[in-house]
Amino acid sequence: MSTLTRTEFEIACKAYIAKYPTESSHLLAKTYSHGWSWKEHASLPHFGYMSRRILLPLDHIEPDDDDDDPLVDEQLDPADDGALSACVPNVLTSEQSVVFSSTYQVPAFYFTLHHNNGAPLSLAEIMRTPMFRPNALSDREATSFALTDPGSSFALLSQGDHPILGTPSWYLHPCHTHEMVGEVMIEVQKGDWTTEQRLVRWMEAWFMVLGNVVDCTAGSCL
C-alpha cells in the first residue's frame, strides 16, 4: 500500500490525530508530530485537511530584504490567535497543513512562516530555521521562489496556493512520496492489522519520511 484514496486519507488523518493529540506525553512529542486538528472544507464534504500552528525559536535569523517575495502581502490578522506571537520576542509563527494530493494520491505538506511582526520569511531565511533538518536542504539549487534537487524535474520546495484555502504557501513536492512510504510499509506491515491500524501506520510512515527534511517535533503548538 503506497497511495491513499481521499476517503482513506481522511480516516488516516483523524485516527492519527486521535492517537497523537495536543496533550501528547513528552516522549511521544519527541517521536511523532503532534498537535494537529482536522479542518473541514467550508462547502465540500471529504475535502478536509490536517492543520496546526506552531512557534519556532528565531535563532538569530536576520531578515532578508526581498520586495519581490509574493508572500510579502500575507500578513497576520491582528484579531487572529497568531497575533499572540507578536507578544513573544524572538519567535517565528508557522501555519502548517497536511492536505490530500489528488494527483499523487498521497498527503502533501504545506506551510507558511512569519516573523512575529507578520512579515513572511524569504526562502533563504526559511532554510536557516530549526524547522528543517541540518544539511537536509544542502546541495540544492535555490532561487527566491523554489529549491530544486539537481537532476529532478520537480522542485523539492516551492511556492503555490494552498489547495483548500487558496492562500500563498510553501510546499514540499509529493512526487516521490508513495515510493518512500511504500518501502517503509513493506518493512512494518502486519497481516492482522485492522483498516484503521494500517492507515495510522501509513501516516506514521509518512511523517517519518517527511521528518528526513522537516523537523516536525520542533517548536511548540498553539
Protein backbone atom coordinates (compact mmCIF):
# COMPACT_ATOMS: atom_id res chain seq x y z
CA MET A 1 0.00 0.00 0.00
CA SER A 2 1.82 3.11 -1.23
CA THR A 3 -1.04 5.52 -2.02
CA LEU A 4 -4.35 6.53 -0.45
CA THR A 5 -7.81 7.39 -1.64
CA ARG A 6 -9.31 10.65 -0.38
CA THR A 7 -11.55 8.68 2.00
CA GLU A 8 -8.58 6.70 3.34
CA PHE A 9 -6.68 9.97 3.78
CA GLU A 10 -9.47 11.37 5.96
CA ILE A 11 -9.70 8.19 8.04
CA ALA A 12 -5.91 8.07 8.42
CA CYS A 13 -5.65 11.70 9.49
CA LYS A 14 -8.45 11.54 12.03
CA ALA A 15 -7.06 8.31 13.51
CA TYR A 16 -3.56 9.80 13.69
CA ILE A 17 -4.86 12.95 15.40
CA ALA A 18 -6.69 10.80 17.96
CA LYS A 19 -3.53 8.79 18.64
CA TYR A 20 -1.21 11.81 18.94
CA PRO A 21 -3.27 14.68 20.37
CA THR A 22 -2.03 18.06 21.51
CA GLU A 23 -1.64 16.69 25.02
CA SER A 24 0.91 14.08 23.93
CA SER A 25 3.39 12.97 26.54
CA HIS A 26 6.93 14.32 26.35
CA LEU A 27 8.19 11.04 24.86
CA LEU A 28 5.57 10.95 22.10
CA ALA A 29 6.16 14.62 21.33
CA LYS A 30 9.80 13.78 20.60
CA THR A 31 8.87 10.80 18.44
CA TYR A 32 5.84 11.74 16.34
CA SER A 33 4.44 15.04 15.15
CA HIS A 34 1.53 16.07 17.36
CA GLY A 35 -0.85 18.94 17.98
CA TRP A 36 -2.80 18.54 14.73
CA SER A 37 -6.51 19.10 14.26
CA TRP A 38 -8.88 18.25 11.42
CA LYS A 39 -10.37 21.13 9.44
CA GLU A 40 -13.42 20.52 7.28
CA HIS A 41 -13.77 22.23 3.91
CA ALA A 42 -16.17 25.17 4.07
CA SER A 43 -18.51 23.71 1.47
CA LEU A 44 -17.25 20.36 0.13
CA PRO A 45 -17.54 17.18 2.22
CA HIS A 46 -14.47 14.94 2.48
CA PHE A 47 -12.13 17.73 1.34
CA GLY A 48 -10.77 18.46 4.79
CA TYR A 49 -7.15 18.61 5.90
CA MET A 50 -4.89 18.49 8.96
CA SER A 51 -3.85 21.82 10.44
CA ARG A 52 -1.74 23.22 13.26
CA ARG A 53 0.07 26.41 14.27
CA ILE A 54 3.45 26.32 15.99
CA LEU A 55 6.00 28.76 17.40
CA LEU A 56 9.67 28.31 16.48
CA PRO A 57 12.73 29.97 18.02
CA LEU A 58 14.18 32.68 15.82
CA ASP A 59 17.81 31.61 16.33
CA HIS A 60 19.21 34.98 15.26
CA ILE A 61 17.90 34.86 11.70
CA GLU A 62 18.50 38.21 10.05
CA PRO A 63 15.54 39.30 7.85
CA ASP A 64 16.16 39.40 4.11
CA ASP A 65 15.00 42.44 2.14
CA ASP A 66 13.10 40.88 -0.76
CA ASP A 67 10.46 43.11 -2.26
CA ASP A 68 9.68 40.52 -4.94
CA ASP A 69 8.52 37.85 -2.50
CA PRO A 70 4.87 37.10 -3.42
CA LEU A 71 4.19 36.12 0.17
CA VAL A 72 5.00 39.60 1.43
CA ASP A 73 1.33 40.60 1.35
CA GLU A 74 0.29 37.63 3.50
CA GLN A 75 0.09 39.36 6.88
CA LEU A 76 -1.29 38.06 10.16
CA ASP A 77 -4.73 39.27 11.11
CA PRO A 78 -4.38 41.17 14.40
CA ALA A 79 -7.62 39.57 15.55
CA ASP A 80 -6.20 36.10 14.86
CA ASP A 81 -4.69 33.94 17.57
CA GLY A 82 -1.43 34.05 15.62
CA ALA A 83 -1.01 37.63 16.78
CA LEU A 84 -0.13 36.15 20.16
CA SER A 85 3.35 35.52 18.82
CA ALA A 86 3.83 39.27 18.50
CA CYS A 87 3.88 39.38 22.28
CA VAL A 88 6.68 36.80 22.42
CA PRO A 89 10.13 38.07 21.37
CA ASN A 90 12.39 36.14 19.02
CA VAL A 91 9.90 33.61 17.69
CA LEU A 92 8.52 32.62 14.31
CA THR A 93 4.94 31.51 13.63
CA SER A 94 4.30 28.64 11.25
CA GLU A 95 0.90 27.64 9.91
CA GLN A 96 1.15 24.03 8.73
CA SER A 97 -1.23 21.82 6.75
CA VAL A 98 -1.32 18.24 5.56
CA VAL A 99 -3.58 18.09 2.50
CA PHE A 100 -4.50 15.37 0.06
CA SER A 101 -2.83 15.49 -3.35
CA SER A 102 -5.36 14.15 -5.83
CA THR A 103 -2.63 13.97 -8.48
CA TYR A 104 -0.26 11.76 -6.48
CA GLN A 105 -2.82 10.29 -4.05
CA VAL A 106 -0.65 10.98 -1.03
CA PRO A 107 -0.54 13.68 1.66
CA ALA A 108 1.34 16.90 0.89
CA PHE A 109 2.90 19.27 3.43
CA TYR A 110 2.07 22.99 3.09
CA PHE A 111 3.25 25.76 5.40
CA THR A 112 3.75 29.48 5.93
CA LEU A 113 6.42 31.00 8.15
CA HIS A 114 6.26 34.56 9.56
CA HIS A 115 8.27 36.80 11.84
CA ASN A 116 6.45 37.99 14.96
CA ASN A 117 5.58 41.24 13.16
CA GLY A 118 3.69 39.30 10.48
CA ALA A 119 6.36 39.59 7.76
CA PRO A 120 6.88 36.34 5.79
CA LEU A 121 10.30 34.76 5.65
CA SER A 122 12.22 34.55 2.41
CA LEU A 123 13.39 31.15 1.17
CA ALA A 124 16.93 31.90 2.34
CA GLU A 125 15.61 32.61 5.83
CA ILE A 126 13.37 29.53 5.82
CA MET A 127 16.35 27.32 5.07
CA ARG A 128 18.08 28.60 8.22
CA THR A 129 15.19 27.94 10.60
CA PRO A 130 15.04 24.99 13.02
CA MET A 131 12.01 23.76 11.08
CA PHE A 132 14.34 21.97 8.66
CA ARG A 133 16.90 19.30 9.45
CA PRO A 134 20.52 20.48 9.38
CA ASN A 135 22.00 19.87 5.92
CA ALA A 136 18.69 18.45 4.63
CA LEU A 137 18.46 21.26 2.08
CA SER A 138 22.15 21.46 1.23
CA ASP A 139 23.38 20.74 -2.31
CA ARG A 140 20.12 22.08 -3.75
CA GLU A 141 19.73 24.77 -6.39
CA ALA A 142 17.96 27.71 -4.76
CA THR A 143 16.12 30.69 -6.24
CA SER A 144 13.93 33.20 -4.43
CA PHE A 145 10.85 31.04 -5.01
CA ALA A 146 11.99 27.39 -5.19
CA LEU A 147 14.54 24.82 -4.12
CA THR A 148 15.38 22.21 -6.73
CA ASP A 149 17.16 18.88 -6.45
CA PRO A 150 19.71 18.66 -9.29
CA GLY A 151 18.61 16.08 -11.82
CA SER A 152 14.94 16.28 -10.83
CA SER A 153 12.26 17.86 -12.99
CA PHE A 154 10.30 18.90 -9.87
CA ALA A 155 11.21 21.48 -7.25
CA LEU A 156 11.73 19.98 -3.81
CA LEU A 157 10.35 23.10 -2.12
CA SER A 158 8.37 25.77 -3.90
CA GLN A 159 5.53 28.28 -3.61
CA GLY A 160 1.91 27.68 -4.54
CA ASP A 161 -1.64 28.30 -3.42
CA HIS A 162 -2.95 26.19 -0.57
CA PRO A 163 -5.28 23.63 -2.27
CA ILE A 164 -8.11 24.27 0.19
CA LEU A 165 -7.60 27.80 1.47
CA GLY A 166 -6.27 29.31 -1.76
CA THR A 167 -3.66 31.30 0.19
CA PRO A 168 0.04 31.61 -0.81
CA SER A 169 2.10 28.88 0.84
CA TRP A 170 5.29 26.92 0.61
CA TYR A 171 5.04 23.19 -0.03
CA LEU A 172 7.20 20.10 -0.42
CA HIS A 173 6.53 18.37 -3.71
CA PRO A 174 4.95 14.93 -3.13
CA CYS A 175 6.09 13.26 -6.35
CA HIS A 176 8.27 10.54 -4.72
CA THR A 177 6.27 10.16 -1.52
CA HIS A 178 4.48 6.95 -2.49
CA GLU A 179 7.78 5.21 -3.24
CA MET A 180 9.38 6.06 0.11
CA VAL A 181 6.28 5.37 2.20
CA GLY A 182 5.73 2.13 0.30
CA GLU A 183 9.22 0.95 1.24
CA VAL A 184 8.57 1.65 4.92
CA MET A 185 5.20 -0.09 4.85
CA ILE A 186 6.70 -3.23 3.32
CA GLU A 187 9.06 -3.45 6.29
CA VAL A 188 6.48 -2.90 9.05
CA GLN A 189 3.16 -4.16 7.69
CA LYS A 190 1.36 -6.90 9.62
CA GLY A 191 -1.39 -9.13 8.31
CA ASP A 192 -3.65 -8.81 11.35
CA TRP A 193 -3.97 -5.01 11.27
CA THR A 194 -7.42 -3.50 11.10
CA THR A 195 -8.04 -0.90 8.40
CA GLU A 196 -7.63 1.91 10.91
CA GLN A 197 -4.40 0.46 12.32
CA ARG A 198 -2.99 0.15 8.81
CA LEU A 199 -3.92 3.72 7.93
CA VAL A 200 -2.50 5.13 11.17
CA ARG A 201 0.74 3.29 10.48
CA TRP A 202 0.69 4.72 6.96
CA MET A 203 0.52 8.26 8.38
CA GLU A 204 3.29 7.46 10.85
CA ALA A 205 5.41 6.24 7.94
CA TRP A 206 4.58 9.42 6.00
CA PHE A 207 5.65 11.63 8.91
CA MET A 208 8.81 9.52 9.18
CA VAL A 209 9.61 10.24 5.53
CA LEU A 210 8.74 13.93 5.94
CA GLY A 211 10.94 14.00 9.03
CA ASN A 212 14.02 13.38 6.90
CA VAL A 213 13.69 17.00 5.78
CA VAL A 214 11.28 18.72 8.19
CA ASP A 215 11.69 18.54 11.96
CA CYS A 216 8.01 18.03 12.76
CA THR A 217 8.71 17.92 16.51
CA ALA A 218 10.41 21.35 16.57
CA GLY A 219 8.64 24.28 18.18
CA SER A 220 5.60 24.47 20.44
CA CYS A 221 1.99 24.12 19.33
CA LEU A 222 -0.55 26.89 19.81
